[in-house]
Amino acid sequence: MRFRPFFALFLLIFAATPLAMAQADPTEAELLGPRPNDIVMGQADAPVTIIEYASLSCSHCADFYKNTVSALKAKEIPEGTVRLVFRHFAGDPFSLNGALLSLCMPQASRDAYIATLLANQQTWLNARGDLEPLKTITLQAGLSADAISTCWADKTQKDALLQTRLDAEKVLGVESTPTLFVNGEKMVGAISLETLREKIAQIQGKK
């Protein structure tokens, strides 16, 4: 998924703010490991680490989660073969608002909440700018109305999410979602489960 021009303009404006300009760029090695606000599934010593940059409004990301991530969660992750790191790459106001809410959920509930948003994109993305459907899903997930309002007003967390995207673009060359880094190797698009398992097997064969 590529991103809408008005949101790209917003990011350019953010990148020119003193806050964004004052921050030192993270190194490539730092971005290829877990970062603050990531959702990490699997053991730290797993031989294969997959970093996934994803947008909650991206249909390809939803397909990838349904067809590939779910299968990894059922097999490779519990077996200790794969550690999966989900990282937000907000591409529009909808995905930014959803990402903010996911970070306000209890740590143990974040993956389930993200899975719900990805599986129900048609419910909350077809609202023509109306955030009520997203709010309804979040209320059902257990966050209170006051907590939702506080979450959306959190400028520090919003800036951190925008910075995450800028770092990914500048340091790793991420341009669209989903983009994966499998033990550092970049793979773009909704990679099939078969292709990803071939890559995992190839990495394991080198060890």
C-alpha atoms as a PDB file:
ATOM      1  CA  MET A   1       0.000   0.000   0.000  1.00  0.00           C
ATOM      2  CA  ARG A   2       1.315   3.443  -0.938  1.00  0.00           C
ATOM      3  CA  PHE A   3       0.168   6.552   0.820  1.00  0.00           C
ATOM      4  CA  ARG A   4      -2.067   9.516   0.202  1.00  0.00           C
ATOM      5  CA  PRO A   5      -0.498  12.811  -0.865  1.00  0.00           C
ATOM      6  CA  PHE A   6      -2.094  14.935   1.889  1.00  0.00           C
ATOM      7  CA  PHE A   7      -0.724  12.645   4.583  1.00  0.00           C
ATOM      8  CA  ALA A   8       2.701  12.661   2.937  1.00  0.00           C
ATOM      9  CA  LEU A   9       2.587  16.476   3.069  1.00  0.00           C
ATOM     10  CA  PHE A  10       1.698  16.280   6.754  1.00  0.00           C
ATOM     11  CA  LEU A  11       4.730  14.066   7.342  1.00  0.00           C
ATOM     12  CA  LEU A  12       6.972  16.500   5.507  1.00  0.00           C
ATOM     13  CA  ILE A  13       5.746  19.271   7.788  1.00  0.00           C
ATOM     14  CA  PHE A  14       6.336  17.080  10.849  1.00  0.00           C
ATOM     15  CA  ALA A  15       9.837  16.201   9.628  1.00  0.00           C
ATOM     16  CA  ALA A  16      10.678  19.896   9.548  1.00  0.00           C
ATOM     17  CA  THR A  17       9.622  20.500  13.154  1.00  0.00           C
ATOM     18  CA  PRO A  18      12.322  21.104  15.780  1.00  0.00           C
ATOM     19  CA  LEU A  19      11.360  17.864  17.532  1.00  0.00           C
ATOM     20  CA  ALA A  20      11.908  15.687  14.476  1.00  0.00           C
ATOM     21  CA  MET A  21      15.029  17.540  13.330  1.00  0.00           C
ATOM     22  CA  ALA A  22      16.644  17.330  16.763  1.00  0.00           C
ATOM     23  CA  GLN A  23      16.479  13.541  16.930  1.00  0.00           C
ATOM     24  CA  ALA A  24      19.471  11.531  15.769  1.00  0.00           C
ATOM     25  CA  ASP A  25      18.656   8.876  13.192  1.00  0.00           C
ATOM     26  CA  PRO A  26      18.666   5.340  14.585  1.00  0.00           C
ATOM     27  CA  THR A  27      21.107   2.946  12.978  1.00  0.00           C
ATOM     28  CA  GLU A  28      20.028   0.195  10.627  1.00  0.00           C
ATOM     29  CA  ALA A  29      21.010  -2.381  13.254  1.00  0.00           C
ATOM     30  CA  GLU A  30      18.790  -0.662  15.822  1.00  0.00           C
ATOM     31  CA  LEU A  31      15.801  -0.714  13.475  1.00  0.00           C
ATOM     32  CA  LEU A  32      16.312  -4.397  12.689  1.00  0.00           C
ATOM     33  CA  GLY A  33      15.652  -5.319  16.311  1.00  0.00           C
ATOM     34  CA  PRO A  34      12.699  -4.681  18.637  1.00  0.00           C
ATOM     35  CA  ARG A  35      11.912  -1.015  19.333  1.00  0.00           C
ATOM     36  CA  PRO A  36       9.618   0.805  21.762  1.00  0.00           C
ATOM     37  CA  ASN A  37       5.935   0.348  20.799  1.00  0.00           C
ATOM     38  CA  ASP A  38       6.602  -2.832  18.808  1.00  0.00           C
ATOM     39  CA  ILE A  39       4.472  -5.916  19.323  1.00  0.00           C
ATOM     40  CA  VAL A  40       6.877  -8.828  19.697  1.00  0.00           C
ATOM     41  CA  MET A  41       5.774 -12.429  19.332  1.00  0.00           C
ATOM     42  CA  GLY A  42       8.190 -15.269  19.912  1.00  0.00           C
ATOM     43  CA  GLN A  43      11.412 -16.010  21.717  1.00  0.00           C
ATOM     44  CA  ALA A  44      14.340 -13.604  21.737  1.00  0.00           C
ATOM     45  CA  ASP A  45      16.716 -16.416  20.726  1.00  0.00           C
ATOM     46  CA  ALA A  46      14.672 -17.585  17.736  1.00  0.00           C
ATOM     47  CA  PRO A  47      16.983 -18.139  14.728  1.00  0.00           C
ATOM     48  CA  VAL A  48      14.738 -16.055  12.441  1.00  0.00           C
ATOM     49  CA  THR A  49      13.534 -12.536  13.247  1.00  0.00           C
ATOM     50  CA  ILE A  50      10.903 -10.970  11.007  1.00  0.00           C
ATOM     51  CA  ILE A  51      10.301  -7.230  11.293  1.00  0.00           C
ATOM     52  CA  GLU A  52       6.984  -6.293   9.698  1.00  0.00           C
ATOM     53  CA  TYR A  53       6.165  -2.673   8.870  1.00  0.00           C
ATOM     54  CA  ALA A  54       2.396  -2.489   8.496  1.00  0.00           C
ATOM     55  CA  SER A  55      -0.435   0.003   8.262  1.00  0.00           C
ATOM     56  CA  LEU A  56      -3.781  -0.799   9.877  1.00  0.00           C
ATOM     57  CA  SER A  57      -5.633   0.643   6.870  1.00  0.00           C
ATOM     58  CA  CYS A  58      -3.664  -1.436   4.351  1.00  0.00           C
ATOM     59  CA  SER A  59      -5.685  -4.233   2.716  1.00  0.00           C
ATOM     60  CA  HIS A  60      -2.505  -6.104   1.747  1.00  0.00           C
ATOM     61  CA  CYS A  61      -1.452  -6.023   5.412  1.00  0.00           C
ATOM     62  CA  ALA A  62      -4.810  -7.505   6.381  1.00  0.00           C
ATOM     63  CA  ASP A  63      -4.367 -10.294   3.829  1.00  0.00           C
ATOM     64  CA  PHE A  64      -0.811 -10.934   5.017  1.00  0.00           C
ATOM     65  CA  TYR A  65      -1.950 -11.147   8.638  1.00  0.00           C
ATOM     66  CA  LYS A  66      -4.821 -13.495   7.794  1.00  0.00           C
ATOM     67  CA  ASN A  67      -2.914 -15.818   5.464  1.00  0.00           C
ATOM     68  CA  THR A  68       0.666 -15.702   6.734  1.00  0.00           C
ATOM     69  CA  VAL A  69       1.031 -14.205  10.209  1.00  0.00           C
ATOM     70  CA  SER A  70      -1.774 -16.365  11.602  1.00  0.00           C
ATOM     71  CA  ALA A  71      -0.038 -19.479  10.287  1.00  0.00           C
ATOM     72  CA  LEU A  72       3.298 -18.418  11.804  1.00  0.00           C
ATOM     73  CA  LYS A  73       1.548 -17.822  15.146  1.00  0.00           C
ATOM     74  CA  ALA A  74       0.188 -21.369  14.999  1.00  0.00           C
ATOM     75  CA  LYS A  75       3.485 -23.086  14.167  1.00  0.00           C
ATOM     76  CA  GLU A  76       6.834 -21.336  13.785  1.00  0.00           C
ATOM     77  CA  ILE A  77       6.427 -18.816  16.598  1.00  0.00           C
ATOM     78  CA  PRO A  78       5.414 -21.264  19.369  1.00  0.00           C
ATOM     79  CA  GLU A  79       8.013 -23.752  18.123  1.00  0.00           C
ATOM     80  CA  GLY A  80      10.725 -21.125  18.699  1.00  0.00           C
ATOM     81  CA  THR A  81      11.760 -20.888  15.049  1.00  0.00           C
ATOM     82  CA  VAL A  82      10.506 -17.344  14.401  1.00  0.00           C
ATOM     83  CA  ARG A  83      10.278 -14.121  16.355  1.00  0.00           C
ATOM     84  CA  LEU A  84       7.825 -11.711  14.713  1.00  0.00           C
ATOM     85  CA  VAL A  85       8.044  -7.981  15.386  1.00  0.00           C
ATOM     86  CA  PHE A  86       5.006  -5.966  14.281  1.00  0.00           C
ATOM     87  CA  ARG A  87       5.804  -2.269  13.784  1.00  0.00           C
ATOM     88  CA  HIS A  88       3.335   0.484  12.865  1.00  0.00           C
ATOM     89  CA  PHE A  89       3.921   2.430   9.644  1.00  0.00           C
ATOM     90  CA  ALA A  90       1.029   4.883   9.694  1.00  0.00           C
ATOM     91  CA  GLY A  91       0.090   5.885   6.164  1.00  0.00           C
ATOM     92  CA  ASP A  92      -3.021   7.992   6.749  1.00  0.00           C
ATOM     93  CA  PRO A  93      -5.060   9.472   9.619  1.00  0.00           C
ATOM     94  CA  PHE A  94      -7.135   6.289  10.003  1.00  0.00           C
ATOM     95  CA  SER A  95      -4.100   4.055  10.515  1.00  0.00           C
ATOM     96  CA  LEU A  96      -2.532   6.650  12.812  1.00  0.00           C
ATOM     97  CA  ASN A  97      -5.630   6.777  15.012  1.00  0.00           C
ATOM     98  CA  GLY A  98      -5.821   2.991  15.108  1.00  0.00           C
ATOM     99  CA  ALA A  99      -2.139   2.719  15.957  1.00  0.00           C
ATOM    100  CA  LEU A 100      -2.549   5.206  18.801  1.00  0.00           C
ATOM    101  CA  LEU A 101      -5.396   3.163  20.258  1.00  0.00           C
ATOM    102  CA  SER A 102      -3.427  -0.079  19.973  1.00  0.00           C
ATOM    103  CA  LEU A 103      -0.665   1.435  22.100  1.00  0.00           C
ATOM    104  CA  CYS A 104      -3.194   2.392  24.769  1.00  0.00           C
ATOM    105  CA  MET A 105      -4.425  -1.182  25.056  1.00  0.00           C
ATOM    106  CA  PRO A 106      -2.878  -3.418  27.742  1.00  0.00           C
ATOM    107  CA  GLN A 107       0.311  -5.029  26.413  1.00  0.00           C
ATOM    108  CA  ALA A 108      -1.222  -8.503  26.438  1.00  0.00           C
ATOM    109  CA  SER A 109      -4.220  -7.332  24.376  1.00  0.00           C
ATOM    110  CA  ARG A 110      -2.451  -5.402  21.629  1.00  0.00           C
ATOM    111  CA  ASP A 111      -1.980  -8.218  19.139  1.00  0.00           C
ATOM    112  CA  ALA A 112      -5.614  -9.308  19.439  1.00  0.00           C
ATOM    113  CA  TYR A 113      -6.775  -5.708  18.987  1.00  0.00           C
ATOM    114  CA  ILE A 114      -4.649  -5.248  15.871  1.00  0.00           C
ATOM    115  CA  ALA A 115      -5.925  -8.546  14.490  1.00  0.00           C
ATOM    116  CA  THR A 116      -9.490  -7.313  15.038  1.00  0.00           C
ATOM    117  CA  LEU A 117      -8.857  -4.018  13.222  1.00  0.00           C
ATOM    118  CA  LEU A 118      -7.197  -5.757  10.283  1.00  0.00           C
ATOM    119  CA  ALA A 119      -9.998  -8.322  10.025  1.00  0.00           C
ATOM    120  CA  ASN A 120     -12.708  -5.645  10.159  1.00  0.00           C
ATOM    121  CA  GLN A 121     -11.282  -2.933   7.911  1.00  0.00           C
ATOM    122  CA  GLN A 122     -14.506  -2.706   5.914  1.00  0.00           C
ATOM    123  CA  THR A 123     -16.340  -1.734   9.097  1.00  0.00           C
ATOM    124  CA  TRP A 124     -14.208   1.152  10.272  1.00  0.00           C
ATOM    125  CA  LEU A 125     -12.502   2.384   7.074  1.00  0.00           C
ATOM    126  CA  ASN A 126     -15.678   2.990   5.061  1.00  0.00           C
ATOM    127  CA  ALA A 127     -16.883   5.673   7.422  1.00  0.00           C
ATOM    128  CA  ARG A 128     -15.813   8.730   5.365  1.00  0.00           C
ATOM    129  CA  GLY A 129     -13.759  10.241   8.141  1.00  0.00           C
ATOM    130  CA  ASP A 130     -16.108   9.197  10.938  1.00  0.00           C
ATOM    131  CA  LEU A 131     -14.140   7.739  13.856  1.00  0.00           C
ATOM    132  CA  GLU A 132     -17.199   6.318  15.630  1.00  0.00           C
ATOM    133  CA  PRO A 133     -16.881   2.808  14.108  1.00  0.00           C
ATOM    134  CA  LEU A 134     -13.246   2.656  15.260  1.00  0.00           C
ATOM    135  CA  LYS A 135     -14.284   3.922  18.681  1.00  0.00           C
ATOM    136  CA  THR A 136     -17.025   1.269  18.902  1.00  0.00           C
ATOM    137  CA  ILE A 137     -14.572  -1.550  18.142  1.00  0.00           C
ATOM    138  CA  THR A 138     -12.186  -0.168  20.750  1.00  0.00           C
ATOM    139  CA  LEU A 139     -14.908   0.089  23.401  1.00  0.00           C
ATOM    140  CA  GLN A 140     -15.785  -3.542  22.723  1.00  0.00           C
ATOM    141  CA  ALA A 141     -12.105  -4.402  23.150  1.00  0.00           C
ATOM    142  CA  GLY A 142     -12.199  -2.993  26.671  1.00  0.00           C
ATOM    143  CA  LEU A 143     -10.890   0.577  26.466  1.00  0.00           C
ATOM    144  CA  SER A 144     -13.148   3.204  28.056  1.00  0.00           C
ATOM    145  CA  ALA A 145     -14.457   6.281  26.251  1.00  0.00           C
ATOM    146  CA  ASP A 146     -12.315   8.531  28.476  1.00  0.00           C
ATOM    147  CA  ALA A 147      -9.236   6.422  27.764  1.00  0.00           C
ATOM    148  CA  ILE A 148      -9.888   6.653  24.019  1.00  0.00           C
ATOM    149  CA  SER A 149     -10.131  10.456  24.171  1.00  0.00           C
ATOM    150  CA  THR A 150      -6.950  10.668  26.246  1.00  0.00           C
ATOM    151  CA  CYS A 151      -5.179   8.333  23.854  1.00  0.00           C
ATOM    152  CA  TRP A 152      -6.073  10.344  20.764  1.00  0.00           C
ATOM    153  CA  ALA A 153      -4.907  13.532  22.514  1.00  0.00           C
ATOM    154  CA  ASP A 154      -1.473  12.094  23.336  1.00  0.00           C
ATOM    155  CA  LYS A 155       0.811  14.205  21.157  1.00  0.00           C
ATOM    156  CA  THR A 156       3.974  12.532  22.448  1.00  0.00           C
ATOM    157  CA  GLN A 157       2.800   9.110  21.324  1.00  0.00           C
ATOM    158  CA  LYS A 158       1.530  10.496  18.023  1.00  0.00           C
ATOM    159  CA  ASP A 159       4.897  12.119  17.341  1.00  0.00           C
ATOM    160  CA  ALA A 160       6.643   8.843  18.201  1.00  0.00           C
ATOM    161  CA  LEU A 161       4.535   6.962  15.635  1.00  0.00           C
ATOM    162  CA  LEU A 162       5.238   9.548  12.950  1.00  0.00           C
ATOM    163  CA  GLN A 163       8.947   9.386  13.788  1.00  0.00           C
ATOM    164  CA  THR A 164       8.848   5.597  13.430  1.00  0.00           C
ATOM    165  CA  ARG A 165       7.622   5.984   9.876  1.00  0.00           C
ATOM    166  CA  LEU A 166      10.193   8.668   9.028  1.00  0.00           C
ATOM    167  CA  ASP A 167      13.013   6.510  10.424  1.00  0.00           C
ATOM    168  CA  ALA A 168      11.849   3.541   8.362  1.00  0.00           C
ATOM    169  CA  GLU A 169      11.751   5.610   5.187  1.00  0.00           C
ATOM    170  CA  LYS A 170      15.104   7.312   5.738  1.00  0.00           C
ATOM    171  CA  VAL A 171      17.190   4.480   7.182  1.00  0.00           C
ATOM    172  CA  LEU A 172      15.637   1.330   5.702  1.00  0.00           C
ATOM    173  CA  GLY A 173      14.019   2.695   2.539  1.00  0.00           C
ATOM    174  CA  VAL A 174      10.525   1.500   3.420  1.00  0.00           C
ATOM    175  CA  GLU A 175       8.058   2.883   0.860  1.00  0.00           C
ATOM    176  CA  SER A 176       4.963   0.714   1.179  1.00  0.00           C
ATOM    177  CA  THR A 177       3.294  -1.876   3.357  1.00  0.00           C
ATOM    178  CA  PRO A 178       3.668  -4.583   4.232  1.00  0.00           C
ATOM    179  CA  THR A 179       7.466  -4.504   4.134  1.00  0.00           C
ATOM    180  CA  LEU A 180       9.360  -7.273   5.899  1.00  0.00           C
ATOM    181  CA  PHE A 181      12.941  -7.638   7.037  1.00  0.00           C
ATOM    182  CA  VAL A 182      13.746 -11.315   7.474  1.00  0.00           C
ATOM    183  CA  ASN A 183      17.023 -11.491   9.387  1.00  0.00           C
ATOM    184  CA  GLY A 184      17.769  -8.150   7.773  1.00  0.00           C
ATOM    185  CA  GLU A 185      16.776  -9.086   4.202  1.00  0.00           C
ATOM    186  CA  LYS A 186      14.086  -6.805   2.772  1.00  0.00           C
ATOM    187  CA  MET A 187      10.950  -8.377   1.284  1.00  0.00           C
ATOM    188  CA  VAL A 188       8.146  -6.143  -0.010  1.00  0.00           C
ATOM    189  CA  GLY A 189       4.458  -6.968  -0.316  1.00  0.00           C
ATOM    190  CA  ALA A 190       2.065  -9.574   1.066  1.00  0.00           C
ATOM    191  CA  ILE A 191       4.590 -12.395   0.840  1.00  0.00           C
ATOM    192  CA  SER A 192       2.933 -15.814   0.619  1.00  0.00           C
ATOM    193  CA  LEU A 193       3.299 -18.283   3.459  1.00  0.00           C
ATOM    194  CA  GLU A 194       5.038 -20.712   1.094  1.00  0.00           C
ATOM    195  CA  THR A 195       7.641 -18.119   0.061  1.00  0.00           C
ATOM    196  CA  LEU A 196       8.258 -17.028   3.640  1.00  0.00           C
ATOM    197  CA  ARG A 197       8.648 -20.600   4.841  1.00  0.00           C
ATOM    198  CA  GLU A 198      11.154 -21.225   2.055  1.00  0.00           C
ATOM    199  CA  LYS A 199      13.152 -18.217   3.275  1.00  0.00           C
ATOM    200  CA  ILE A 200      12.968 -19.454   6.882  1.00  0.00           C
ATOM    201  CA  ALA A 201      14.182 -22.896   5.834  1.00  0.00           C
ATOM    202  CA  GLN A 202      17.000 -21.335   3.817  1.00  0.00           C
ATOM    203  CA  ILE A 203      18.168 -19.331   6.849  1.00  0.00           C
ATOM    204  CA  GLN A 204      18.019 -22.372   9.108  1.00  0.00           C
ATOM    205  CA  GLY A 205      20.019 -24.388   6.588  1.00  0.00           C
ATOM    206  CA  LYS A 206      22.877 -21.879   6.841  1.00  0.00           C
ATOM    207  CA  LYS A 207      23.232 -22.333  10.597  1.00  0.00           C
END
